[in-house]
Every structure is written in structure tokens, then in C-alpha cells.
Amino acid sequence: MSKEYLKEHRLGEVIALIQVLAFHRHTSRSEEGLIEELKLIPRSANSWVELSKSHPELFRVRDEEDKINRVSLVSRYVASYETKNGKKIRERLEPSLVQKLIEVAIEIHDRQVSNFERWKVIVPLLVACISATAVITATLMKIAN
């Protein structure tokens, strides 16, 4: 099970990245372009490209030799496009679709937190059961002798 959304600051950074890539006139952005646009580097990953690679459910990363890595939203990248001056131009996403993408990120985050919280209960119970079994076994062995 992936735990990417459990990283501190991750959800906020994913939401910020969704917005920039959905509404900016350029479909994809380089690491430098993202830093310039967002005015910060991510705190939950070493780079925006690394963060994007950790979330293929939302982001696509062009990672080709001899080219600058570029990040785009999967939903925007697969949209129809026009060609102008040899470049593919895609429309910005509708605000309702962007809202849905943000909701998806929040839902995945909430599920991962819930799954993590479940282990916080199970592990202490398991330790208590093992300890109780050891005490009972030791007591029975002492009585048998």
C-alpha cells in the first residue's frame, strides 16, 4: 500500500500542483517553471518532479534522456489539442474538473490516513496479547514444576 499522502505537507503540495497545471496556459512545466510559479520548493519531496512521479494517479512526467523533465496533469495531457507554431496547445481545465481532482487527492489522503490509524490500534493490541500469553505460559510452567 502506498503511503505517499502520509508525508507531511504532501496533500497541500499536490493540491497546489494540480491548480498550477490545470489553470496555467502551458500544459506542462519544468522543475524550474514550477518553482517560479509556486515560489517555493516542495517540503515533502526533493523536487516537484519527484513528487509528481510519486502520484501517477494525477501527474504525468516526461522523463526522456537529453530533454528537460516536464510535469503535466494526466487529465490535461490526454485532452484534445490544437497545433500552433509546431506546439500542442490544450485548453485549461474547467474549474469543476479541477475541483474533482482535488477531491480525489483528498479522498486518497483520507484513506491512507485511515489505514495508518488502524495499525496504531492493532499493534498495541497484538503486543498486549503476546505479553499476556507469555505471562500465562510462565505461570503455568511455574505451577507445573
N, C-alpha and C. Protein backbone atom coordinates (compact mmCIF):
# COMPACT_ATOMS: atom_id res chain seq x y z
N MET A 1 0.84 -1.19 0.00
CA MET A 1 0.00 0.00 0.00
C MET A 1 0.88 1.25 0.00
N SER A 2 0.56 2.15 -0.85
CA SER A 2 1.30 3.40 -0.93
C SER A 2 0.98 4.29 0.28
N LYS A 3 1.98 5.02 0.70
CA LYS A 3 1.80 5.92 1.84
C LYS A 3 2.24 7.34 1.49
N GLU A 4 2.22 7.66 0.21
CA GLU A 4 2.73 8.96 -0.24
C GLU A 4 2.00 10.14 0.39
N TYR A 5 0.68 10.02 0.58
CA TYR A 5 -0.08 11.14 1.12
C TYR A 5 0.12 11.33 2.63
N LEU A 6 0.78 10.37 3.28
CA LEU A 6 1.03 10.49 4.72
C LEU A 6 2.22 11.41 5.01
N LYS A 7 2.99 11.73 3.99
CA LYS A 7 4.14 12.61 4.19
C LYS A 7 3.66 14.01 4.56
N GLU A 8 4.35 14.59 5.52
CA GLU A 8 3.98 15.94 5.97
C GLU A 8 4.03 16.92 4.80
N HIS A 9 3.03 17.75 4.69
CA HIS A 9 2.89 18.79 3.65
C HIS A 9 2.46 18.25 2.29
N ARG A 10 2.38 16.93 2.11
CA ARG A 10 2.14 16.36 0.78
C ARG A 10 0.80 16.77 0.19
N LEU A 11 -0.28 16.64 0.94
CA LEU A 11 -1.59 16.95 0.37
C LEU A 11 -1.66 18.38 -0.14
N GLY A 12 -1.19 19.33 0.62
CA GLY A 12 -1.21 20.73 0.20
C GLY A 12 -0.39 20.96 -1.05
N GLU A 13 0.75 20.29 -1.13
CA GLU A 13 1.61 20.45 -2.32
C GLU A 13 0.97 19.82 -3.55
N VAL A 14 0.32 18.69 -3.38
CA VAL A 14 -0.38 18.06 -4.51
C VAL A 14 -1.50 18.98 -5.00
N ILE A 15 -2.25 19.57 -4.08
CA ILE A 15 -3.34 20.48 -4.46
C ILE A 15 -2.79 21.71 -5.18
N ALA A 16 -1.69 22.25 -4.70
CA ALA A 16 -1.09 23.42 -5.36
C ALA A 16 -0.63 23.06 -6.77
N LEU A 17 -0.02 21.90 -6.91
CA LEU A 17 0.47 21.45 -8.22
C LEU A 17 -0.69 21.22 -9.19
N ILE A 18 -1.78 20.64 -8.70
CA ILE A 18 -2.96 20.45 -9.54
C ILE A 18 -3.43 21.79 -10.10
N GLN A 19 -3.52 22.78 -9.24
CA GLN A 19 -4.04 24.09 -9.68
C GLN A 19 -3.15 24.74 -10.72
N VAL A 20 -1.84 24.73 -10.49
CA VAL A 20 -0.93 25.36 -11.45
C VAL A 20 -1.02 24.66 -12.80
N LEU A 21 -1.01 23.33 -12.79
CA LEU A 21 -1.01 22.59 -14.05
C LEU A 21 -2.37 22.60 -14.74
N ALA A 22 -3.43 22.85 -14.00
CA ALA A 22 -4.76 22.88 -14.60
C ALA A 22 -5.08 24.23 -15.22
N PHE A 23 -4.64 25.30 -14.57
CA PHE A 23 -5.06 26.64 -14.99
C PHE A 23 -4.01 27.43 -15.75
N HIS A 24 -2.75 27.04 -15.70
CA HIS A 24 -1.71 27.79 -16.41
C HIS A 24 -1.87 27.57 -17.91
N ARG A 25 -1.49 28.53 -18.69
CA ARG A 25 -1.66 28.41 -20.15
C ARG A 25 -0.78 27.31 -20.73
N HIS A 26 0.34 27.00 -20.06
CA HIS A 26 1.20 25.91 -20.52
C HIS A 26 0.72 24.60 -19.89
N THR A 27 0.60 23.58 -20.71
CA THR A 27 0.12 22.28 -20.24
C THR A 27 1.11 21.62 -19.29
N SER A 28 2.38 21.74 -19.58
CA SER A 28 3.39 21.10 -18.75
C SER A 28 4.41 22.14 -18.29
N ARG A 29 5.07 21.80 -17.19
CA ARG A 29 6.06 22.73 -16.62
C ARG A 29 7.31 21.96 -16.22
N SER A 30 8.43 22.62 -16.31
CA SER A 30 9.70 22.06 -15.84
C SER A 30 9.80 22.30 -14.34
N GLU A 31 10.80 21.69 -13.75
CA GLU A 31 11.05 21.91 -12.31
C GLU A 31 11.23 23.40 -12.03
N GLU A 32 12.03 24.05 -12.85
CA GLU A 32 12.29 25.49 -12.66
C GLU A 32 11.01 26.30 -12.84
N GLY A 33 10.21 25.92 -13.83
CA GLY A 33 8.95 26.62 -14.07
C GLY A 33 7.98 26.48 -12.90
N LEU A 34 7.95 25.30 -12.30
CA LEU A 34 7.08 25.08 -11.14
C LEU A 34 7.56 25.88 -9.93
N ILE A 35 8.86 25.89 -9.71
CA ILE A 35 9.41 26.67 -8.59
C ILE A 35 9.10 28.15 -8.79
N GLU A 36 9.26 28.62 -10.02
CA GLU A 36 8.98 30.03 -10.32
C GLU A 36 7.50 30.35 -10.10
N GLU A 37 6.63 29.46 -10.55
CA GLU A 37 5.19 29.69 -10.44
C GLU A 37 4.71 29.59 -9.00
N LEU A 38 5.17 28.58 -8.28
CA LEU A 38 4.71 28.34 -6.91
C LEU A 38 5.50 29.12 -5.86
N LYS A 39 6.64 29.65 -6.26
CA LYS A 39 7.50 30.45 -5.37
C LYS A 39 8.03 29.66 -4.18
N LEU A 40 8.16 28.34 -4.36
CA LEU A 40 8.73 27.51 -3.30
C LEU A 40 9.11 26.15 -3.87
N ILE A 41 9.95 25.47 -3.11
CA ILE A 41 10.27 24.09 -3.44
C ILE A 41 9.43 23.20 -2.53
N PRO A 42 9.14 21.99 -2.95
CA PRO A 42 8.32 21.13 -2.10
C PRO A 42 9.05 20.73 -0.82
N ARG A 43 8.30 20.57 0.25
CA ARG A 43 8.89 20.13 1.52
C ARG A 43 8.72 18.63 1.72
N SER A 44 7.83 18.00 0.95
CA SER A 44 7.57 16.57 1.12
C SER A 44 8.33 15.69 0.13
N ALA A 45 9.12 16.32 -0.73
CA ALA A 45 9.92 15.60 -1.73
C ALA A 45 11.13 16.46 -2.08
N ASN A 46 12.09 15.86 -2.76
CA ASN A 46 13.29 16.61 -3.15
C ASN A 46 13.03 17.58 -4.30
N SER A 47 11.98 17.32 -5.07
CA SER A 47 11.66 18.19 -6.21
C SER A 47 10.20 18.00 -6.58
N TRP A 48 9.68 18.92 -7.41
CA TRP A 48 8.32 18.79 -7.92
C TRP A 48 8.21 17.59 -8.85
N VAL A 49 9.27 17.32 -9.59
CA VAL A 49 9.27 16.17 -10.50
C VAL A 49 9.19 14.88 -9.68
N GLU A 50 9.97 14.77 -8.61
CA GLU A 50 9.93 13.58 -7.75
C GLU A 50 8.55 13.42 -7.13
N LEU A 51 7.98 14.52 -6.64
CA LEU A 51 6.64 14.48 -6.06
C LEU A 51 5.64 13.97 -7.10
N SER A 52 5.73 14.49 -8.31
CA SER A 52 4.80 14.09 -9.39
C SER A 52 4.94 12.63 -9.75
N LYS A 53 6.16 12.12 -9.78
CA LYS A 53 6.38 10.71 -10.08
C LYS A 53 5.75 9.82 -9.01
N SER A 54 5.62 10.32 -7.80
CA SER A 54 5.02 9.55 -6.70
C SER A 54 3.50 9.51 -6.79
N HIS A 55 2.93 10.29 -7.70
CA HIS A 55 1.47 10.37 -7.82
C HIS A 55 1.03 10.20 -9.28
N PRO A 56 1.26 9.01 -9.84
CA PRO A 56 0.87 8.78 -11.24
C PRO A 56 -0.64 8.80 -11.44
N GLU A 57 -1.40 8.76 -10.34
CA GLU A 57 -2.86 8.85 -10.46
C GLU A 57 -3.29 10.24 -10.92
N LEU A 58 -2.41 11.23 -10.77
CA LEU A 58 -2.74 12.61 -11.15
C LEU A 58 -1.79 13.22 -12.17
N PHE A 59 -0.50 12.88 -12.05
CA PHE A 59 0.52 13.58 -12.83
C PHE A 59 1.25 12.65 -13.80
N ARG A 60 1.68 13.26 -14.89
CA ARG A 60 2.48 12.58 -15.90
C ARG A 60 3.81 13.32 -15.96
N VAL A 61 4.91 12.58 -15.96
CA VAL A 61 6.23 13.19 -16.03
C VAL A 61 6.93 12.72 -17.29
N ARG A 62 7.32 13.69 -18.11
CA ARG A 62 8.13 13.35 -19.28
C ARG A 62 9.56 13.23 -18.78
N ASP A 63 10.08 12.04 -18.86
CA ASP A 63 11.42 11.76 -18.32
C ASP A 63 12.22 11.09 -19.44
N GLU A 64 12.70 11.90 -20.36
CA GLU A 64 13.44 11.38 -21.51
C GLU A 64 14.87 11.89 -21.47
N GLU A 65 15.77 11.04 -21.93
CA GLU A 65 17.16 11.44 -21.99
C GLU A 65 17.33 12.65 -22.90
N ASP A 66 18.23 13.53 -22.54
CA ASP A 66 18.56 14.73 -23.32
C ASP A 66 17.41 15.73 -23.42
N LYS A 67 16.38 15.59 -22.57
CA LYS A 67 15.28 16.56 -22.53
C LYS A 67 15.03 16.95 -21.09
N ILE A 68 14.50 18.14 -20.91
CA ILE A 68 14.16 18.61 -19.57
C ILE A 68 12.91 17.88 -19.11
N ASN A 69 12.95 17.35 -17.88
CA ASN A 69 11.76 16.71 -17.32
C ASN A 69 10.64 17.73 -17.23
N ARG A 70 9.45 17.32 -17.64
CA ARG A 70 8.30 18.21 -17.58
C ARG A 70 7.14 17.46 -16.94
N VAL A 71 6.38 18.18 -16.13
CA VAL A 71 5.25 17.62 -15.41
C VAL A 71 3.96 18.17 -16.00
N SER A 72 2.96 17.30 -16.13
CA SER A 72 1.63 17.74 -16.56
C SER A 72 0.59 16.91 -15.81
N LEU A 73 -0.63 17.39 -15.83
CA LEU A 73 -1.74 16.60 -15.30
C LEU A 73 -2.12 15.56 -16.34
N VAL A 74 -2.34 14.34 -15.91
CA VAL A 74 -2.76 13.29 -16.84
C VAL A 74 -4.03 13.73 -17.56
N SER A 75 -4.99 14.26 -16.82
CA SER A 75 -6.28 14.64 -17.43
C SER A 75 -6.14 15.76 -18.45
N ARG A 76 -5.17 16.61 -18.28
CA ARG A 76 -4.98 17.69 -19.25
C ARG A 76 -4.15 17.21 -20.44
N TYR A 77 -3.19 16.35 -20.17
CA TYR A 77 -2.32 15.86 -21.22
C TYR A 77 -3.08 15.04 -22.26
N VAL A 78 -4.07 14.28 -21.81
CA VAL A 78 -4.81 13.43 -22.76
C VAL A 78 -5.94 14.17 -23.47
N ALA A 79 -6.18 15.41 -23.10
CA ALA A 79 -7.25 16.20 -23.73
C ALA A 79 -6.88 16.53 -25.18
N SER A 80 -7.89 16.81 -25.97
CA SER A 80 -7.63 17.18 -27.36
C SER A 80 -6.84 18.50 -27.41
N TYR A 81 -6.19 18.72 -28.52
CA TYR A 81 -5.32 19.89 -28.64
C TYR A 81 -5.34 20.45 -30.05
N GLU A 82 -4.87 21.68 -30.15
CA GLU A 82 -4.63 22.34 -31.43
C GLU A 82 -3.12 22.48 -31.59
N THR A 83 -2.67 22.56 -32.81
CA THR A 83 -1.24 22.78 -33.04
C THR A 83 -1.05 24.21 -33.52
N LYS A 84 -0.22 24.95 -32.79
CA LYS A 84 0.12 26.32 -33.16
C LYS A 84 1.63 26.47 -33.12
N ASN A 85 2.21 26.91 -34.20
CA ASN A 85 3.65 27.09 -34.30
C ASN A 85 4.41 25.82 -33.91
N GLY A 86 3.86 24.67 -34.29
CA GLY A 86 4.51 23.40 -34.01
C GLY A 86 4.35 22.90 -32.58
N LYS A 87 3.57 23.62 -31.78
CA LYS A 87 3.36 23.21 -30.39
C LYS A 87 1.91 22.79 -30.18
N LYS A 88 1.74 21.77 -29.34
CA LYS A 88 0.40 21.31 -29.00
C LYS A 88 -0.16 22.23 -27.90
N ILE A 89 -1.31 22.82 -28.18
CA ILE A 89 -1.95 23.72 -27.23
C ILE A 89 -3.24 23.06 -26.74
N ARG A 90 -3.31 22.87 -25.42
CA ARG A 90 -4.51 22.28 -24.81
C ARG A 90 -5.21 23.33 -23.97
N GLU A 91 -6.53 23.23 -23.92
CA GLU A 91 -7.32 24.17 -23.12
C GLU A 91 -7.06 23.95 -21.63
N ARG A 92 -7.23 25.01 -20.88
CA ARG A 92 -7.17 24.89 -19.42
C ARG A 92 -8.35 24.04 -18.98
N LEU A 93 -8.21 23.38 -17.84
CA LEU A 93 -9.30 22.55 -17.34
C LEU A 93 -10.41 23.41 -16.74
N GLU A 94 -11.61 22.89 -16.83
CA GLU A 94 -12.76 23.56 -16.23
C GLU A 94 -12.62 23.51 -14.70
N PRO A 95 -13.03 24.58 -14.01
CA PRO A 95 -12.93 24.59 -12.54
C PRO A 95 -13.63 23.39 -11.88
N SER A 96 -14.72 22.91 -12.44
CA SER A 96 -15.42 21.76 -11.84
C SER A 96 -14.56 20.50 -11.92
N LEU A 97 -13.81 20.32 -13.00
CA LEU A 97 -12.92 19.17 -13.12
C LEU A 97 -11.75 19.30 -12.16
N VAL A 98 -11.22 20.50 -12.03
CA VAL A 98 -10.12 20.73 -11.09
C VAL A 98 -10.59 20.44 -9.67
N GLN A 99 -11.79 20.87 -9.33
CA GLN A 99 -12.36 20.58 -8.01
C GLN A 99 -12.44 19.08 -7.79
N LYS A 100 -12.85 18.33 -8.82
CA LYS A 100 -12.95 16.88 -8.71
C LYS A 100 -11.57 16.25 -8.49
N LEU A 101 -10.56 16.74 -9.19
CA LEU A 101 -9.20 16.23 -9.00
C LEU A 101 -8.71 16.49 -7.57
N ILE A 102 -9.02 17.65 -7.05
CA ILE A 102 -8.64 17.98 -5.67
C ILE A 102 -9.38 17.06 -4.70
N GLU A 103 -10.66 16.80 -4.97
CA GLU A 103 -11.44 15.89 -4.13
C GLU A 103 -10.86 14.48 -4.16
N VAL A 104 -10.40 14.04 -5.32
CA VAL A 104 -9.77 12.72 -5.43
C VAL A 104 -8.51 12.66 -4.58
N ALA A 105 -7.69 13.70 -4.65
CA ALA A 105 -6.46 13.74 -3.84
C ALA A 105 -6.81 13.69 -2.35
N ILE A 106 -7.81 14.44 -1.94
CA ILE A 106 -8.22 14.46 -0.53
C ILE A 106 -8.76 13.09 -0.12
N GLU A 107 -9.53 12.46 -0.98
CA GLU A 107 -10.10 11.14 -0.67
C GLU A 107 -8.99 10.10 -0.50
N ILE A 108 -8.00 10.10 -1.40
CA ILE A 108 -6.88 9.16 -1.28
C ILE A 108 -6.12 9.43 0.00
N HIS A 109 -5.88 10.70 0.30
CA HIS A 109 -5.20 11.08 1.55
C HIS A 109 -5.95 10.54 2.76
N ASP A 110 -7.26 10.76 2.79
CA ASP A 110 -8.07 10.32 3.93
C ASP A 110 -8.04 8.80 4.08
N ARG A 111 -8.08 8.08 2.97
CA ARG A 111 -8.00 6.61 3.04
C ARG A 111 -6.66 6.15 3.60
N GLN A 112 -5.58 6.79 3.15
CA GLN A 112 -4.26 6.40 3.64
C GLN A 112 -4.11 6.71 5.13
N VAL A 113 -4.64 7.84 5.56
CA VAL A 113 -4.59 8.19 6.99
C VAL A 113 -5.40 7.18 7.78
N SER A 114 -6.58 6.82 7.30
CA SER A 114 -7.43 5.86 7.99
C SER A 114 -6.75 4.50 8.12
N ASN A 115 -6.13 4.04 7.05
CA ASN A 115 -5.41 2.76 7.09
C ASN A 115 -4.24 2.81 8.06
N PHE A 116 -3.55 3.93 8.10
CA PHE A 116 -2.42 4.09 9.02
C PHE A 116 -2.91 4.10 10.47
N GLU A 117 -4.01 4.79 10.72
CA GLU A 117 -4.57 4.87 12.07
C GLU A 117 -4.99 3.50 12.57
N ARG A 118 -5.47 2.65 11.68
CA ARG A 118 -5.89 1.30 12.05
C ARG A 118 -4.72 0.53 12.66
N TRP A 119 -3.53 0.69 12.08
CA TRP A 119 -2.35 -0.01 12.60
C TRP A 119 -1.95 0.51 13.97
N LYS A 120 -2.24 1.75 14.27
CA LYS A 120 -1.91 2.31 15.58
C LYS A 120 -2.70 1.63 16.69
N VAL A 121 -3.83 1.01 16.35
CA VAL A 121 -4.65 0.29 17.33
C VAL A 121 -4.26 -1.18 17.36
N ILE A 122 -4.05 -1.78 16.20
CA ILE A 122 -3.78 -3.21 16.10
C ILE A 122 -2.45 -3.59 16.74
N VAL A 123 -1.41 -2.84 16.51
CA VAL A 123 -0.08 -3.19 17.03
C VAL A 123 -0.06 -3.25 18.56
N PRO A 124 -0.56 -2.24 19.29
CA PRO A 124 -0.57 -2.36 20.75
C PRO A 124 -1.41 -3.54 21.25
N LEU A 125 -2.52 -3.83 20.58
CA LEU A 125 -3.33 -4.98 20.97
C LEU A 125 -2.56 -6.29 20.77
N LEU A 126 -1.86 -6.39 19.67
CA LEU A 126 -1.06 -7.57 19.39
C LEU A 126 0.04 -7.73 20.42
N VAL A 127 0.71 -6.66 20.77
CA VAL A 127 1.77 -6.70 21.80
C VAL A 127 1.18 -7.13 23.14
N ALA A 128 0.02 -6.59 23.49
CA ALA A 128 -0.63 -6.97 24.76
C ALA A 128 -0.99 -8.45 24.76
N CYS A 129 -1.50 -8.97 23.66
CA CYS A 129 -1.84 -10.40 23.58
C CYS A 129 -0.61 -11.29 23.73
N ILE A 130 0.46 -10.90 23.07
CA ILE A 130 1.71 -11.67 23.17
C ILE A 130 2.24 -11.64 24.60
N SER A 131 2.20 -10.48 25.22
CA SER A 131 2.66 -10.36 26.61
C SER A 131 1.80 -11.19 27.54
N ALA A 132 0.51 -11.13 27.37
CA ALA A 132 -0.40 -11.91 28.23
C ALA A 132 -0.16 -13.40 28.05
N THR A 133 0.04 -13.83 26.82
CA THR A 133 0.33 -15.25 26.55
C THR A 133 1.63 -15.67 27.22
N ALA A 134 2.63 -14.82 27.18
CA ALA A 134 3.91 -15.14 27.81
C ALA A 134 3.76 -15.24 29.33
N VAL A 135 3.01 -14.35 29.93
CA VAL A 135 2.79 -14.37 31.39
C VAL A 135 2.03 -15.64 31.79
N ILE A 136 0.98 -15.97 31.04
CA ILE A 136 0.18 -17.16 31.35
C ILE A 136 1.03 -18.42 31.19
N THR A 137 1.82 -18.48 30.13
CA THR A 137 2.69 -19.64 29.90
C THR A 137 3.71 -19.77 31.02
N ALA A 138 4.31 -18.67 31.42
CA ALA A 138 5.30 -18.71 32.50
C ALA A 138 4.65 -19.15 33.81
N THR A 139 3.46 -18.67 34.09
CA THR A 139 2.73 -19.04 35.31
C THR A 139 2.40 -20.53 35.31
N LEU A 140 1.89 -21.03 34.18
CA LEU A 140 1.57 -22.45 34.07
C LEU A 140 2.80 -23.33 34.21
N MET A 141 3.89 -22.92 33.66
CA MET A 141 5.14 -23.69 33.77
C MET A 141 5.62 -23.70 35.23
N LYS A 142 5.45 -22.59 35.93
CA LYS A 142 5.87 -22.49 37.33
C LYS A 142 4.99 -23.40 38.21
N ILE A 143 3.69 -23.42 37.92
CA ILE A 143 2.77 -24.26 38.67
C ILE A 143 3.06 -25.74 38.40
N ALA A 144 3.39 -26.08 37.14
CA ALA A 144 3.64 -27.48 36.76
C ALA A 144 4.91 -28.00 37.44
N ASN A 145 5.84 -27.16 37.74
CA ASN A 145 7.09 -27.59 38.37
C ASN A 145 6.85 -27.66 39.82
